[in-house]
Amino acid sequence: MSELTKLPNIGPELAKRLELAGIKSSKKLAELGTENAFIRLKTVFPGACHNQLYALEGAIQGIRWHGISKERKVELQEFMKMTQKNL
């Protein structure tokens, strides 16, 4: 099983997808940051959605995605809008 599943919000399926996108460790995920990791994920899996974006953010912060601040959620929603137009 992937070490990514030890992170909050990352189940076996998302871990598998992240690995296929070249993100094979929590260190790599943190280095890339939420937005860059999501771009990689969406490039390989065009159907990646805002739930996965929140999951990545929560995993990097070490919290369940429900605990992401409202301000950060707004930033991520704006980012999501941009990716829908450009990817």
PDB file of N, CA and C in Angstrom:
ATOM      1  N   MET A   1       0.839  -1.188   0.000  1.00  0.00           N
ATOM      2  CA  MET A   1       0.000   0.000   0.000  1.00  0.00           C
ATOM      3  C   MET A   1       0.884   1.251   0.000  1.00  0.00           C
ATOM      4  N   SER A   2       0.428   2.265  -0.669  1.00  0.00           N
ATOM      5  CA  SER A   2       1.164   3.513  -0.802  1.00  0.00           C
ATOM      6  C   SER A   2       1.286   4.258   0.525  1.00  0.00           C
ATOM      7  N   GLU A   3       2.442   4.865   0.746  1.00  0.00           N
ATOM      8  CA  GLU A   3       2.613   5.682   1.955  1.00  0.00           C
ATOM      9  C   GLU A   3       1.717   6.912   1.917  1.00  0.00           C
ATOM     10  N   LEU A   4       1.237   7.281   0.728  1.00  0.00           N
ATOM     11  CA  LEU A   4       0.346   8.431   0.611  1.00  0.00           C
ATOM     12  C   LEU A   4      -0.964   8.216   1.372  1.00  0.00           C
ATOM     13  N   THR A   5      -1.378   6.960   1.515  1.00  0.00           N
ATOM     14  CA  THR A   5      -2.639   6.695   2.215  1.00  0.00           C
ATOM     15  C   THR A   5      -2.547   6.976   3.710  1.00  0.00           C
ATOM     16  N   LYS A   6      -1.359   7.226   4.206  1.00  0.00           N
ATOM     17  CA  LYS A   6      -1.207   7.601   5.612  1.00  0.00           C
ATOM     18  C   LYS A   6      -1.604   9.059   5.850  1.00  0.00           C
ATOM     19  N   LEU A   7      -1.707   9.823   4.762  1.00  0.00           N
ATOM     20  CA  LEU A   7      -2.095  11.231   4.859  1.00  0.00           C
ATOM     21  C   LEU A   7      -3.607  11.344   4.982  1.00  0.00           C
ATOM     22  N   PRO A   8      -4.081  12.391   5.674  1.00  0.00           N
ATOM     23  CA  PRO A   8      -5.527  12.606   5.736  1.00  0.00           C
ATOM     24  C   PRO A   8      -6.079  12.796   4.325  1.00  0.00           C
ATOM     25  N   ASN A   9      -7.259  12.294   4.078  1.00  0.00           N
ATOM     26  CA  ASN A   9      -8.004  12.494   2.827  1.00  0.00           C
ATOM     27  C   ASN A   9      -7.530  11.648   1.653  1.00  0.00           C
ATOM     28  N   ILE A  10      -6.433  10.941   1.789  1.00  0.00           N
ATOM     29  CA  ILE A  10      -5.887  10.187   0.660  1.00  0.00           C
ATOM     30  C   ILE A  10      -6.189   8.698   0.845  1.00  0.00           C
ATOM     31  N   GLY A  11      -7.157   8.235   0.080  1.00  0.00           N
ATOM     32  CA  GLY A  11      -7.492   6.819   0.105  1.00  0.00           C
ATOM     33  C   GLY A  11      -6.701   6.076  -0.956  1.00  0.00           C
ATOM     34  N   PRO A  12      -6.909   4.774  -1.056  1.00  0.00           N
ATOM     35  CA  PRO A  12      -6.145   3.967  -2.018  1.00  0.00           C
ATOM     36  C   PRO A  12      -6.304   4.425  -3.474  1.00  0.00           C
ATOM     37  N   GLU A  13      -7.504   4.809  -3.862  1.00  0.00           N
ATOM     38  CA  GLU A  13      -7.725   5.206  -5.263  1.00  0.00           C
ATOM     39  C   GLU A  13      -7.014   6.519  -5.593  1.00  0.00           C
ATOM     40  N   LEU A  14      -7.135   7.512  -4.727  1.00  0.00           N
ATOM     41  CA  LEU A  14      -6.456   8.782  -4.978  1.00  0.00           C
ATOM     42  C   LEU A  14      -4.949   8.595  -4.916  1.00  0.00           C
ATOM     43  N   ALA A  15      -4.468   7.776  -4.009  1.00  0.00           N
ATOM     44  CA  ALA A  15      -3.030   7.496  -3.932  1.00  0.00           C
ATOM     45  C   ALA A  15      -2.538   6.879  -5.234  1.00  0.00           C
ATOM     46  N   LYS A  16      -3.294   5.957  -5.770  1.00  0.00           N
ATOM     47  CA  LYS A  16      -2.930   5.313  -7.037  1.00  0.00           C
ATOM     48  C   LYS A  16      -2.867   6.343  -8.161  1.00  0.00           C
ATOM     49  N   ARG A  17      -3.838   7.208  -8.207  1.00  0.00           N
ATOM     50  CA  ARG A  17      -3.859   8.247  -9.246  1.00  0.00           C
ATOM     51  C   ARG A  17      -2.690   9.216  -9.087  1.00  0.00           C
ATOM     52  N   LEU A  18      -2.404   9.595  -7.856  1.00  0.00           N
ATOM     53  CA  LEU A  18      -1.262  10.482  -7.622  1.00  0.00           C
ATOM     54  C   LEU A  18       0.039   9.826  -8.083  1.00  0.00           C
ATOM     55  N   GLU A  19       0.189   8.551  -7.780  1.00  0.00           N
ATOM     56  CA  GLU A  19       1.399   7.845  -8.195  1.00  0.00           C
ATOM     57  C   GLU A  19       1.511   7.794  -9.707  1.00  0.00           C
ATOM     58  N   LEU A  20       0.402   7.573 -10.394  1.00  0.00           N
ATOM     59  CA  LEU A  20       0.418   7.572 -11.858  1.00  0.00           C
ATOM     60  C   LEU A  20       0.738   8.954 -12.424  1.00  0.00           C
ATOM     61  N   ALA A  21       0.459   9.986 -11.640  1.00  0.00           N
ATOM     62  CA  ALA A  21       0.785  11.360 -12.032  1.00  0.00           C
ATOM     63  C   ALA A  21       2.205  11.744 -11.615  1.00  0.00           C
ATOM     64  N   GLY A  22       2.950  10.781 -11.058  1.00  0.00           N
ATOM     65  CA  GLY A  22       4.341  11.041 -10.688  1.00  0.00           C
ATOM     66  C   GLY A  22       4.545  11.533  -9.272  1.00  0.00           C
ATOM     67  N   ILE A  23       3.511  11.486  -8.457  1.00  0.00           N
ATOM     68  CA  ILE A  23       3.600  11.936  -7.071  1.00  0.00           C
ATOM     69  C   ILE A  23       3.548  10.685  -6.198  1.00  0.00           C
ATOM     70  N   LYS A  24       4.715  10.248  -5.755  1.00  0.00           N
ATOM     71  CA  LYS A  24       4.806   8.951  -5.089  1.00  0.00           C
ATOM     72  C   LYS A  24       5.116   9.033  -3.606  1.00  0.00           C
ATOM     73  N   SER A  25       5.199  10.243  -3.071  1.00  0.00           N
ATOM     74  CA  SER A  25       5.499  10.378  -1.644  1.00  0.00           C
ATOM     75  C   SER A  25       4.860  11.648  -1.092  1.00  0.00           C
ATOM     76  N   SER A  26       4.716  11.654   0.220  1.00  0.00           N
ATOM     77  CA  SER A  26       4.178  12.850   0.874  1.00  0.00           C
ATOM     78  C   SER A  26       5.145  14.019   0.720  1.00  0.00           C
ATOM     79  N   LYS A  27       6.434  13.712   0.684  1.00  0.00           N
ATOM     80  CA  LYS A  27       7.439  14.762   0.486  1.00  0.00           C
ATOM     81  C   LYS A  27       7.263  15.423  -0.875  1.00  0.00           C
ATOM     82  N   LYS A  28       7.070  14.618  -1.917  1.00  0.00           N
ATOM     83  CA  LYS A  28       6.877  15.158  -3.265  1.00  0.00           C
ATOM     84  C   LYS A  28       5.600  15.978  -3.328  1.00  0.00           C
ATOM     85  N   LEU A  29       4.544  15.496  -2.684  1.00  0.00           N
ATOM     86  CA  LEU A  29       3.284  16.227  -2.658  1.00  0.00           C
ATOM     87  C   LEU A  29       3.478  17.597  -2.015  1.00  0.00           C
ATOM     88  N   ALA A  30       4.168  17.623  -0.888  1.00  0.00           N
ATOM     89  CA  ALA A  30       4.412  18.891  -0.189  1.00  0.00           C
ATOM     90  C   ALA A  30       5.297  19.823  -1.019  1.00  0.00           C
ATOM     91  N   GLU A  31       6.303  19.261  -1.688  1.00  0.00           N
ATOM     92  CA  GLU A  31       7.192  20.081  -2.527  1.00  0.00           C
ATOM     93  C   GLU A  31       6.420  20.738  -3.664  1.00  0.00           C
ATOM     94  N   LEU A  32       5.526  19.988  -4.277  1.00  0.00           N
ATOM     95  CA  LEU A  32       4.752  20.524  -5.394  1.00  0.00           C
ATOM     96  C   LEU A  32       3.725  21.545  -4.935  1.00  0.00           C
ATOM     97  N   GLY A  33       3.129  21.302  -3.802  1.00  0.00           N
ATOM     98  CA  GLY A  33       2.043  22.156  -3.339  1.00  0.00           C
ATOM     99  C   GLY A  33       0.731  21.718  -3.962  1.00  0.00           C
ATOM    100  N   THR A  34      -0.344  22.184  -3.404  1.00  0.00           N
ATOM    101  CA  THR A  34      -1.677  21.759  -3.815  1.00  0.00           C
ATOM    102  C   THR A  34      -1.951  22.018  -5.292  1.00  0.00           C
ATOM    103  N   GLU A  35      -1.735  23.231  -5.729  1.00  0.00           N
ATOM    104  CA  GLU A  35      -2.100  23.599  -7.095  1.00  0.00           C
ATOM    105  C   GLU A  35      -1.291  22.815  -8.132  1.00  0.00           C
ATOM    106  N   ASN A  36       0.016  22.732  -7.959  1.00  0.00           N
ATOM    107  CA  ASN A  36       0.837  22.007  -8.928  1.00  0.00           C
ATOM    108  C   ASN A  36       0.546  20.513  -8.917  1.00  0.00           C
ATOM    109  N   ALA A  37       0.291  19.962  -7.746  1.00  0.00           N
ATOM    110  CA  ALA A  37      -0.061  18.545  -7.658  1.00  0.00           C
ATOM    111  C   ALA A  37      -1.390  18.300  -8.371  1.00  0.00           C
ATOM    112  N   PHE A  38      -2.330  19.212  -8.209  1.00  0.00           N
ATOM    113  CA  PHE A  38      -3.629  19.050  -8.864  1.00  0.00           C
ATOM    114  C   PHE A  38      -3.497  19.149 -10.377  1.00  0.00           C
ATOM    115  N   ILE A  39      -2.665  20.046 -10.851  1.00  0.00           N
ATOM    116  CA  ILE A  39      -2.448  20.158 -12.297  1.00  0.00           C
ATOM    117  C   ILE A  39      -1.903  18.844 -12.842  1.00  0.00           C
ATOM    118  N   ARG A  40      -0.941  18.258 -12.144  1.00  0.00           N
ATOM    119  CA  ARG A  40      -0.413  16.951 -12.566  1.00  0.00           C
ATOM    120  C   ARG A  40      -1.516  15.895 -12.579  1.00  0.00           C
ATOM    121  N   LEU A  41      -2.309  15.892 -11.536  1.00  0.00           N
ATOM    122  CA  LEU A  41      -3.390  14.920 -11.425  1.00  0.00           C
ATOM    123  C   LEU A  41      -4.397  15.112 -12.559  1.00  0.00           C
ATOM    124  N   LYS A  42      -4.787  16.338 -12.805  1.00  0.00           N
ATOM    125  CA  LYS A  42      -5.790  16.642 -13.829  1.00  0.00           C
ATOM    126  C   LYS A  42      -5.258  16.367 -15.229  1.00  0.00           C
ATOM    127  N   THR A  43      -3.961  16.479 -15.425  1.00  0.00           N
ATOM    128  CA  THR A  43      -3.371  16.169 -16.726  1.00  0.00           C
ATOM    129  C   THR A  43      -3.517  14.682 -17.048  1.00  0.00           C
ATOM    130  N   VAL A  44      -3.353  13.851 -16.041  1.00  0.00           N
ATOM    131  CA  VAL A  44      -3.463  12.402 -16.220  1.00  0.00           C
ATOM    132  C   VAL A  44      -4.920  11.943 -16.110  1.00  0.00           C
ATOM    133  N   PHE A  45      -5.688  12.579 -15.241  1.00  0.00           N
ATOM    134  CA  PHE A  45      -7.093  12.242 -15.009  1.00  0.00           C
ATOM    135  C   PHE A  45      -7.942  13.500 -15.192  1.00  0.00           C
ATOM    136  N   PRO A  46      -8.345  13.788 -16.421  1.00  0.00           N
ATOM    137  CA  PRO A  46      -9.077  15.037 -16.697  1.00  0.00           C
ATOM    138  C   PRO A  46     -10.330  15.239 -15.857  1.00  0.00           C
ATOM    139  N   GLY A  47     -10.874  14.182 -15.311  1.00  0.00           N
ATOM    140  CA  GLY A  47     -12.072  14.304 -14.492  1.00  0.00           C
ATOM    141  C   GLY A  47     -11.813  14.686 -13.046  1.00  0.00           C
ATOM    142  N   ALA A  48     -10.557  14.969 -12.702  1.00  0.00           N
ATOM    143  CA  ALA A  48     -10.239  15.370 -11.323  1.00  0.00           C
ATOM    144  C   ALA A  48     -11.119  16.568 -10.944  1.00  0.00           C
ATOM    145  N   CYS A  49     -11.629  16.537  -9.719  1.00  0.00           N
ATOM    146  CA  CYS A  49     -12.621  17.529  -9.303  1.00  0.00           C
ATOM    147  C   CYS A  49     -12.176  18.291  -8.050  1.00  0.00           C
ATOM    148  N   HIS A  50     -13.033  19.215  -7.641  1.00  0.00           N
ATOM    149  CA  HIS A  50     -12.715  20.054  -6.481  1.00  0.00           C
ATOM    150  C   HIS A  50     -12.561  19.231  -5.206  1.00  0.00           C
ATOM    151  N   ASN A  51     -13.254  18.105  -5.105  1.00  0.00           N
ATOM    152  CA  ASN A  51     -13.087  17.261  -3.920  1.00  0.00           C
ATOM    153  C   ASN A  51     -11.647  16.765  -3.806  1.00  0.00           C
ATOM    154  N   GLN A  52     -11.056  16.412  -4.922  1.00  0.00           N
ATOM    155  CA  GLN A  52      -9.674  15.955  -4.911  1.00  0.00           C
ATOM    156  C   GLN A  52      -8.720  17.123  -4.628  1.00  0.00           C
ATOM    157  N   LEU A  53      -9.060  18.290  -5.133  1.00  0.00           N
ATOM    158  CA  LEU A  53      -8.257  19.482  -4.839  1.00  0.00           C
ATOM    159  C   LEU A  53      -8.253  19.760  -3.333  1.00  0.00           C
ATOM    160  N   TYR A  54      -9.425  19.714  -2.702  1.00  0.00           N
ATOM    161  CA  TYR A  54      -9.509  19.906  -1.259  1.00  0.00           C
ATOM    162  C   TYR A  54      -8.775  18.794  -0.512  1.00  0.00           C
ATOM    163  N   ALA A  55      -8.883  17.573  -1.015  1.00  0.00           N
ATOM    164  CA  ALA A  55      -8.197  16.444  -0.375  1.00  0.00           C
ATOM    165  C   ALA A  55      -6.691  16.672  -0.371  1.00  0.00           C
ATOM    166  N   LEU A  56      -6.161  17.161  -1.478  1.00  0.00           N
ATOM    167  CA  LEU A  56      -4.723  17.432  -1.557  1.00  0.00           C
ATOM    168  C   LEU A  56      -4.312  18.525  -0.576  1.00  0.00           C
ATOM    169  N   GLU A  57      -5.095  19.582  -0.526  1.00  0.00           N
ATOM    170  CA  GLU A  57      -4.788  20.680   0.399  1.00  0.00           C
ATOM    171  C   GLU A  57      -4.795  20.186   1.837  1.00  0.00           C
ATOM    172  N   GLY A  58      -5.829  19.441   2.193  1.00  0.00           N
ATOM    173  CA  GLY A  58      -5.906  18.909   3.550  1.00  0.00           C
ATOM    174  C   GLY A  58      -4.752  17.970   3.855  1.00  0.00           C
ATOM    175  N   ALA A  59      -4.389  17.137   2.889  1.00  0.00           N
ATOM    176  CA  ALA A  59      -3.278  16.203   3.085  1.00  0.00           C
ATOM    177  C   ALA A  59      -1.983  16.961   3.348  1.00  0.00           C
ATOM    178  N   ILE A  60      -1.750  18.004   2.588  1.00  0.00           N
ATOM    179  CA  ILE A  60      -0.534  18.802   2.777  1.00  0.00           C
ATOM    180  C   ILE A  60      -0.549  19.492   4.137  1.00  0.00           C
ATOM    181  N   GLN A  61      -1.706  19.989   4.544  1.00  0.00           N
ATOM    182  CA  GLN A  61      -1.821  20.651   5.858  1.00  0.00           C
ATOM    183  C   GLN A  61      -1.856  19.651   7.008  1.00  0.00           C
ATOM    184  N   GLY A  62      -2.122  18.384   6.690  1.00  0.00           N
ATOM    185  CA  GLY A  62      -2.218  17.369   7.730  1.00  0.00           C
ATOM    186  C   GLY A  62      -3.546  17.372   8.461  1.00  0.00           C
ATOM    187  N   ILE A  63      -4.599  17.823   7.751  1.00  0.00           N
ATOM    188  CA  ILE A  63      -5.938  17.903   8.350  1.00  0.00           C
ATOM    189  C   ILE A  63      -6.972  17.298   7.406  1.00  0.00           C
ATOM    190  N   ARG A  64      -8.129  16.960   7.953  1.00  0.00           N
ATOM    191  CA  ARG A  64      -9.239  16.570   7.095  1.00  0.00           C
ATOM    192  C   ARG A  64      -9.644  17.798   6.285  1.00  0.00           C
ATOM    193  N   TRP A  65     -10.109  17.584   5.080  1.00  0.00           N
ATOM    194  CA  TRP A  65     -10.401  18.720   4.209  1.00  0.00           C
ATOM    195  C   TRP A  65     -11.468  19.646   4.780  1.00  0.00           C
ATOM    196  N   HIS A  66     -12.312  19.148   5.658  1.00  0.00           N
ATOM    197  CA  HIS A  66     -13.352  19.973   6.280  1.00  0.00           C
ATOM    198  C   HIS A  66     -12.756  21.120   7.099  1.00  0.00           C
ATOM    199  N   GLY A  67     -11.517  20.951   7.545  1.00  0.00           N
ATOM    200  CA  GLY A  67     -10.872  21.947   8.388  1.00  0.00           C
ATOM    201  C   GLY A  67     -10.127  23.032   7.628  1.00  0.00           C
ATOM    202  N   ILE A  68     -10.153  22.978   6.299  1.00  0.00           N
ATOM    203  CA  ILE A  68      -9.481  24.021   5.505  1.00  0.00           C
ATOM    204  C   ILE A  68     -10.207  25.348   5.737  1.00  0.00           C
ATOM    205  N   SER A  69      -9.446  26.404   5.919  1.00  0.00           N
ATOM    206  CA  SER A  69     -10.063  27.714   6.187  1.00  0.00           C
ATOM    207  C   SER A  69     -10.936  28.169   5.019  1.00  0.00           C
ATOM    208  N   LYS A  70     -11.926  28.979   5.328  1.00  0.00           N
ATOM    209  CA  LYS A  70     -12.827  29.496   4.290  1.00  0.00           C
ATOM    210  C   LYS A  70     -12.055  30.300   3.253  1.00  0.00           C
ATOM    211  N   GLU A  71     -11.074  31.066   3.716  1.00  0.00           N
ATOM    212  CA  GLU A  71     -10.281  31.873   2.797  1.00  0.00           C
ATOM    213  C   GLU A  71      -9.522  30.993   1.805  1.00  0.00           C
ATOM    214  N   ARG A  72      -8.937  29.916   2.321  1.00  0.00           N
ATOM    215  CA  ARG A  72      -8.185  29.011   1.444  1.00  0.00           C
ATOM    216  C   ARG A  72      -9.124  28.289   0.486  1.00  0.00           C
ATOM    217  N   LYS A  73     -10.312  27.942   0.938  1.00  0.00           N
ATOM    218  CA  LYS A  73     -11.284  27.307   0.050  1.00  0.00           C
ATOM    219  C   LYS A  73     -11.660  28.236  -1.097  1.00  0.00           C
ATOM    220  N   VAL A  74     -11.817  29.518  -0.803  1.00  0.00           N
ATOM    221  CA  VAL A  74     -12.125  30.491  -1.855  1.00  0.00           C
ATOM    222  C   VAL A  74     -10.971  30.544  -2.858  1.00  0.00           C
ATOM    223  N   GLU A  75      -9.734  30.582  -2.371  1.00  0.00           N
ATOM    224  CA  GLU A  75      -8.568  30.567  -3.267  1.00  0.00           C
ATOM    225  C   GLU A  75      -8.580  29.322  -4.152  1.00  0.00           C
ATOM    226  N   LEU A  76      -8.872  28.187  -3.562  1.00  0.00           N
ATOM    227  CA  LEU A  76      -8.884  26.932  -4.315  1.00  0.00           C
ATOM    228  C   LEU A  76     -10.035  26.905  -5.320  1.00  0.00           C
ATOM    229  N   GLN A  77     -11.172  27.490  -4.968  1.00  0.00           N
ATOM    230  CA  GLN A  77     -12.290  27.562  -5.911  1.00  0.00           C
ATOM    231  C   GLN A  77     -11.923  28.417  -7.125  1.00  0.00           C
ATOM    232  N   GLU A  78     -11.230  29.523  -6.888  1.00  0.00           N
ATOM    233  CA  GLU A  78     -10.778  30.375  -7.997  1.00  0.00           C
ATOM    234  C   GLU A  78      -9.769  29.626  -8.870  1.00  0.00           C
ATOM    235  N   PHE A  79      -8.863  28.908  -8.225  1.00  0.00           N
ATOM    236  CA  PHE A  79      -7.903  28.098  -8.955  1.00  0.00           C
ATOM    237  C   PHE A  79      -8.627  27.050  -9.807  1.00  0.00           C
ATOM    238  N   MET A  80      -9.620  26.415  -9.246  1.00  0.00           N
ATOM    239  CA  MET A  80     -10.385  25.392  -9.948  1.00  0.00           C
ATOM    240  C   MET A  80     -11.042  25.982 -11.200  1.00  0.00           C
ATOM    241  N   LYS A  81     -11.594  27.165 -11.078  1.00  0.00           N
ATOM    242  CA  LYS A  81     -12.203  27.827 -12.234  1.00  0.00           C
ATOM    243  C   LYS A  81     -11.171  28.022 -13.337  1.00  0.00           C
ATOM    244  N   MET A  82      -9.972  28.435 -12.965  1.00  0.00           N
ATOM    245  CA  MET A  82      -8.900  28.638 -13.953  1.00  0.00           C
ATOM    246  C   MET A  82      -8.527  27.326 -14.634  1.00  0.00           C
ATOM    247  N   THR A  83      -8.442  26.248 -13.858  1.00  0.00           N
ATOM    248  CA  THR A  83      -8.038  24.965 -14.463  1.00  0.00           C
ATOM    249  C   THR A  83      -9.109  24.452 -15.407  1.00  0.00           C
ATOM    250  N   GLN A  84     -10.361  24.727 -15.122  1.00  0.00           N
ATOM    251  CA  GLN A  84     -11.431  24.275 -16.002  1.00  0.00           C
ATOM    252  C   GLN A  84     -11.361  24.982 -17.347  1.00  0.00           C
ATOM    253  N   LYS A  85     -10.878  26.201 -17.342  1.00  0.00           N
ATOM    254  CA  LYS A  85     -10.756  26.954 -18.595  1.00  0.00           C
ATOM    255  C   LYS A  85      -9.501  26.564 -19.374  1.00  0.00           C
ATOM    256  N   ASN A  86      -8.409  26.248 -18.642  1.00  0.00           N
ATOM    257  CA  ASN A  86      -7.122  26.074 -19.281  1.00  0.00           C
ATOM    258  C   ASN A  86      -6.640  24.650 -19.476  1.00  0.00           C
ATOM    259  N   LEU A  87      -7.205  23.693 -18.764  1.00  0.00           N
ATOM    260  CA  LEU A  87      -6.731  22.311 -18.918  1.00  0.00           C
ATOM    261  C   LEU A  87      -7.744  21.461 -19.643  1.00  0.00           C
TER     262      LEU A  87
END
